[in-house]
Amino acid sequence: MSVDRKLLEILVCPITKQRVSMLSAVKLETLNKLIETGEVANHGGEKLEKPFQEALITDNGNTIYPVESGIPVMLEDRSIDTLQLPDW
């Protein structure tokens, strides 16, 4: 299930107020490979274990938000800082 286009047009990062867009399939695959190796933690400090089906990324590319069942999870603790991701 994909994020509703109208919702995506109004969503912004709750931290920086930057617009967000869907994470590309290539970047999503890269992220999921890093999750599989245990290299990814969210801002809450939780190591991620399950791959993402979809995700949003801020315009500056610094923060990723998970999308669960078509619903963006725009919570700071659940977001991912891309600075921790090698070769991002």
N, C-alpha and C. Protein backbone atom coordinates (compact mmCIF):
# COMPACT_ATOMS: atom_id res chain seq x y z
N MET A 1 0.85 -1.18 0.00
CA MET A 1 0.00 0.00 0.00
C MET A 1 0.90 1.24 0.00
N SER A 2 0.63 2.13 -0.87
CA SER A 2 1.47 3.31 -1.02
C SER A 2 0.85 4.51 -0.30
N VAL A 3 1.70 5.47 0.02
CA VAL A 3 1.25 6.69 0.69
C VAL A 3 0.39 7.50 -0.28
N ASP A 4 -0.72 7.99 0.20
CA ASP A 4 -1.62 8.82 -0.60
C ASP A 4 -0.87 10.05 -1.11
N ARG A 5 -1.01 10.33 -2.39
CA ARG A 5 -0.28 11.43 -3.03
C ARG A 5 -0.61 12.78 -2.39
N LYS A 6 -1.86 13.01 -2.05
CA LYS A 6 -2.24 14.29 -1.43
C LYS A 6 -1.61 14.43 -0.04
N LEU A 7 -1.55 13.34 0.70
CA LEU A 7 -0.91 13.37 2.01
C LEU A 7 0.58 13.66 1.85
N LEU A 8 1.20 13.02 0.88
CA LEU A 8 2.63 13.22 0.65
C LEU A 8 2.94 14.69 0.30
N GLU A 9 2.03 15.36 -0.36
CA GLU A 9 2.25 16.76 -0.74
C GLU A 9 2.30 17.70 0.46
N ILE A 10 1.65 17.32 1.57
CA ILE A 10 1.61 18.22 2.73
C ILE A 10 2.52 17.79 3.88
N LEU A 11 3.04 16.58 3.82
CA LEU A 11 3.90 16.09 4.90
C LEU A 11 5.24 16.82 4.93
N VAL A 12 5.70 17.11 6.14
CA VAL A 12 7.03 17.66 6.35
C VAL A 12 7.67 16.95 7.53
N CYS A 13 8.97 17.00 7.59
CA CYS A 13 9.71 16.44 8.72
C CYS A 13 9.33 17.21 9.97
N PRO A 14 8.94 16.54 11.04
CA PRO A 14 8.57 17.25 12.26
C PRO A 14 9.75 17.92 12.96
N ILE A 15 10.96 17.54 12.60
CA ILE A 15 12.16 18.11 13.23
C ILE A 15 12.63 19.34 12.47
N THR A 16 12.82 19.20 11.16
CA THR A 16 13.41 20.28 10.35
C THR A 16 12.40 21.04 9.51
N LYS A 17 11.18 20.52 9.41
CA LYS A 17 10.11 21.10 8.60
C LYS A 17 10.40 21.02 7.10
N GLN A 18 11.35 20.21 6.71
CA GLN A 18 11.63 19.99 5.30
C GLN A 18 10.57 19.07 4.71
N ARG A 19 10.34 19.24 3.42
CA ARG A 19 9.42 18.34 2.72
C ARG A 19 10.03 16.94 2.67
N VAL A 20 9.18 15.96 2.49
CA VAL A 20 9.63 14.58 2.37
C VAL A 20 9.10 14.00 1.06
N SER A 21 9.79 12.99 0.58
CA SER A 21 9.36 12.27 -0.62
C SER A 21 9.62 10.78 -0.41
N MET A 22 9.08 9.98 -1.31
CA MET A 22 9.28 8.54 -1.20
C MET A 22 10.75 8.21 -1.43
N LEU A 23 11.26 7.31 -0.64
CA LEU A 23 12.63 6.82 -0.82
C LEU A 23 12.65 5.95 -2.08
N SER A 24 13.62 6.17 -2.94
CA SER A 24 13.70 5.42 -4.19
C SER A 24 13.88 3.93 -3.92
N ALA A 25 13.52 3.12 -4.90
CA ALA A 25 13.65 1.66 -4.77
C ALA A 25 15.11 1.26 -4.56
N VAL A 26 16.03 1.94 -5.24
CA VAL A 26 17.45 1.62 -5.09
C VAL A 26 17.92 1.92 -3.66
N LYS A 27 17.56 3.09 -3.15
CA LYS A 27 17.96 3.46 -1.78
C LYS A 27 17.27 2.56 -0.76
N LEU A 28 16.01 2.19 -1.01
CA LEU A 28 15.29 1.30 -0.10
C LEU A 28 15.98 -0.06 -0.02
N GLU A 29 16.42 -0.56 -1.16
CA GLU A 29 17.14 -1.83 -1.19
C GLU A 29 18.46 -1.72 -0.41
N THR A 30 19.17 -0.61 -0.59
CA THR A 30 20.42 -0.38 0.15
C THR A 30 20.15 -0.33 1.64
N LEU A 31 19.12 0.40 2.04
CA LEU A 31 18.76 0.50 3.45
C LEU A 31 18.44 -0.86 4.03
N ASN A 32 17.65 -1.64 3.32
CA ASN A 32 17.26 -2.96 3.81
C ASN A 32 18.44 -3.91 3.95
N LYS A 33 19.41 -3.80 3.06
CA LYS A 33 20.62 -4.62 3.19
C LYS A 33 21.39 -4.24 4.45
N LEU A 34 21.46 -2.94 4.74
CA LEU A 34 22.13 -2.49 5.96
C LEU A 34 21.37 -2.92 7.21
N ILE A 35 20.05 -2.92 7.14
CA ILE A 35 19.24 -3.39 8.27
C ILE A 35 19.53 -4.87 8.52
N GLU A 36 19.61 -5.65 7.46
CA GLU A 36 19.89 -7.09 7.58
C GLU A 36 21.22 -7.36 8.28
N THR A 37 22.21 -6.48 8.06
CA THR A 37 23.52 -6.68 8.68
C THR A 37 23.60 -6.11 10.10
N GLY A 38 22.51 -5.51 10.57
CA GLY A 38 22.48 -4.98 11.93
C GLY A 38 23.16 -3.64 12.09
N GLU A 39 23.32 -2.90 10.99
CA GLU A 39 24.05 -1.63 11.02
C GLU A 39 23.18 -0.40 11.23
N VAL A 40 21.87 -0.57 11.35
CA VAL A 40 20.98 0.59 11.37
C VAL A 40 20.20 0.66 12.69
N ALA A 41 20.24 1.86 13.29
CA ALA A 41 19.44 2.13 14.50
C ALA A 41 18.61 3.38 14.23
N ASN A 42 17.46 3.46 14.87
CA ASN A 42 16.65 4.67 14.73
C ASN A 42 17.08 5.69 15.78
N HIS A 43 16.49 6.90 15.72
CA HIS A 43 16.86 7.95 16.67
C HIS A 43 16.58 7.57 18.12
N GLY A 44 15.67 6.62 18.33
CA GLY A 44 15.39 6.14 19.68
C GLY A 44 16.43 5.16 20.19
N GLY A 45 17.41 4.82 19.33
CA GLY A 45 18.48 3.90 19.74
C GLY A 45 18.17 2.44 19.49
N GLU A 46 17.03 2.15 18.92
CA GLU A 46 16.63 0.77 18.66
C GLU A 46 17.27 0.26 17.36
N LYS A 47 17.96 -0.87 17.44
CA LYS A 47 18.52 -1.50 16.24
C LYS A 47 17.36 -2.06 15.42
N LEU A 48 17.36 -1.75 14.14
CA LEU A 48 16.28 -2.22 13.27
C LEU A 48 16.57 -3.63 12.79
N GLU A 49 15.54 -4.45 12.77
CA GLU A 49 15.70 -5.85 12.36
C GLU A 49 14.86 -6.21 11.16
N LYS A 50 13.74 -5.51 10.96
CA LYS A 50 12.83 -5.82 9.86
C LYS A 50 13.04 -4.85 8.70
N PRO A 51 13.07 -5.37 7.48
CA PRO A 51 13.22 -4.48 6.32
C PRO A 51 11.98 -3.61 6.13
N PHE A 52 12.17 -2.50 5.48
CA PHE A 52 11.07 -1.58 5.18
C PHE A 52 10.45 -1.93 3.83
N GLN A 53 9.15 -1.81 3.73
CA GLN A 53 8.45 -1.95 2.46
C GLN A 53 8.47 -0.62 1.71
N GLU A 54 8.36 0.47 2.50
CA GLU A 54 8.38 1.82 1.97
C GLU A 54 8.98 2.74 3.02
N ALA A 55 9.47 3.87 2.57
CA ALA A 55 10.00 4.87 3.50
C ALA A 55 9.98 6.24 2.84
N LEU A 56 10.03 7.27 3.67
CA LEU A 56 10.10 8.65 3.21
C LEU A 56 11.47 9.20 3.57
N ILE A 57 11.94 10.17 2.80
CA ILE A 57 13.22 10.80 3.08
C ILE A 57 13.07 12.31 2.96
N THR A 58 13.77 13.05 3.81
CA THR A 58 13.71 14.50 3.75
C THR A 58 14.42 15.00 2.50
N ASP A 59 14.09 16.22 2.08
CA ASP A 59 14.69 16.80 0.87
C ASP A 59 16.21 16.86 0.93
N ASN A 60 16.77 17.08 2.12
CA ASN A 60 18.23 17.14 2.22
C ASN A 60 18.87 15.75 2.33
N GLY A 61 18.05 14.71 2.40
CA GLY A 61 18.55 13.34 2.43
C GLY A 61 19.11 12.89 3.77
N ASN A 62 18.87 13.65 4.83
CA ASN A 62 19.46 13.32 6.14
C ASN A 62 18.60 12.43 7.02
N THR A 63 17.30 12.39 6.78
CA THR A 63 16.41 11.66 7.69
C THR A 63 15.43 10.80 6.90
N ILE A 64 15.26 9.56 7.36
CA ILE A 64 14.32 8.61 6.75
C ILE A 64 13.23 8.30 7.78
N TYR A 65 11.99 8.24 7.29
CA TYR A 65 10.85 7.86 8.13
C TYR A 65 10.22 6.60 7.55
N PRO A 66 9.89 5.63 8.40
CA PRO A 66 9.25 4.41 7.90
C PRO A 66 7.80 4.68 7.48
N VAL A 67 7.32 3.85 6.58
CA VAL A 67 5.91 3.85 6.19
C VAL A 67 5.40 2.45 6.49
N GLU A 68 4.36 2.37 7.30
CA GLU A 68 3.81 1.08 7.70
C GLU A 68 2.37 0.97 7.22
N SER A 69 2.11 0.00 6.37
CA SER A 69 0.77 -0.20 5.79
C SER A 69 0.24 1.07 5.14
N GLY A 70 1.11 1.79 4.45
CA GLY A 70 0.71 3.00 3.76
C GLY A 70 0.61 4.23 4.64
N ILE A 71 0.96 4.10 5.92
CA ILE A 71 0.86 5.22 6.86
C ILE A 71 2.27 5.67 7.27
N PRO A 72 2.63 6.91 6.96
CA PRO A 72 3.94 7.43 7.37
C PRO A 72 4.03 7.54 8.89
N VAL A 73 5.13 7.06 9.43
CA VAL A 73 5.37 7.15 10.88
C VAL A 73 6.34 8.32 11.08
N MET A 74 5.78 9.48 11.34
CA MET A 74 6.56 10.71 11.41
C MET A 74 6.93 11.05 12.86
N LEU A 75 7.53 10.10 13.54
CA LEU A 75 7.97 10.28 14.92
C LEU A 75 9.49 10.32 14.96
N GLU A 76 10.04 11.29 15.68
CA GLU A 76 11.49 11.46 15.74
C GLU A 76 12.19 10.18 16.20
N ASP A 77 11.68 9.53 17.22
CA ASP A 77 12.33 8.32 17.74
C ASP A 77 12.37 7.18 16.73
N ARG A 78 11.43 7.15 15.80
CA ARG A 78 11.38 6.09 14.80
C ARG A 78 12.13 6.44 13.52
N SER A 79 12.60 7.68 13.41
CA SER A 79 13.31 8.11 12.21
C SER A 79 14.75 7.58 12.21
N ILE A 80 15.36 7.61 11.02
CA ILE A 80 16.72 7.10 10.84
C ILE A 80 17.59 8.23 10.32
N ASP A 81 18.71 8.43 10.97
CA ASP A 81 19.69 9.42 10.53
C ASP A 81 20.59 8.77 9.47
N THR A 82 20.59 9.31 8.26
CA THR A 82 21.37 8.68 7.18
C THR A 82 22.88 8.86 7.37
N LEU A 83 23.32 9.73 8.26
CA LEU A 83 24.75 9.91 8.49
C LEU A 83 25.40 8.64 9.05
N GLN A 84 24.60 7.76 9.64
CA GLN A 84 25.11 6.49 10.17
C GLN A 84 25.28 5.43 9.09
N LEU A 85 24.74 5.69 7.90
CA LEU A 85 24.72 4.68 6.84
C LEU A 85 25.96 4.83 5.95
N PRO A 86 26.79 3.79 5.88
CA PRO A 86 28.00 3.89 5.06
C PRO A 86 27.66 4.03 3.58
N ASP A 87 28.40 4.89 2.89
CA ASP A 87 28.25 5.11 1.45
C ASP A 87 26.84 5.52 1.05
N TRP A 88 26.14 6.23 1.92
CA TRP A 88 24.79 6.66 1.60
C TRP A 88 24.84 7.79 0.61
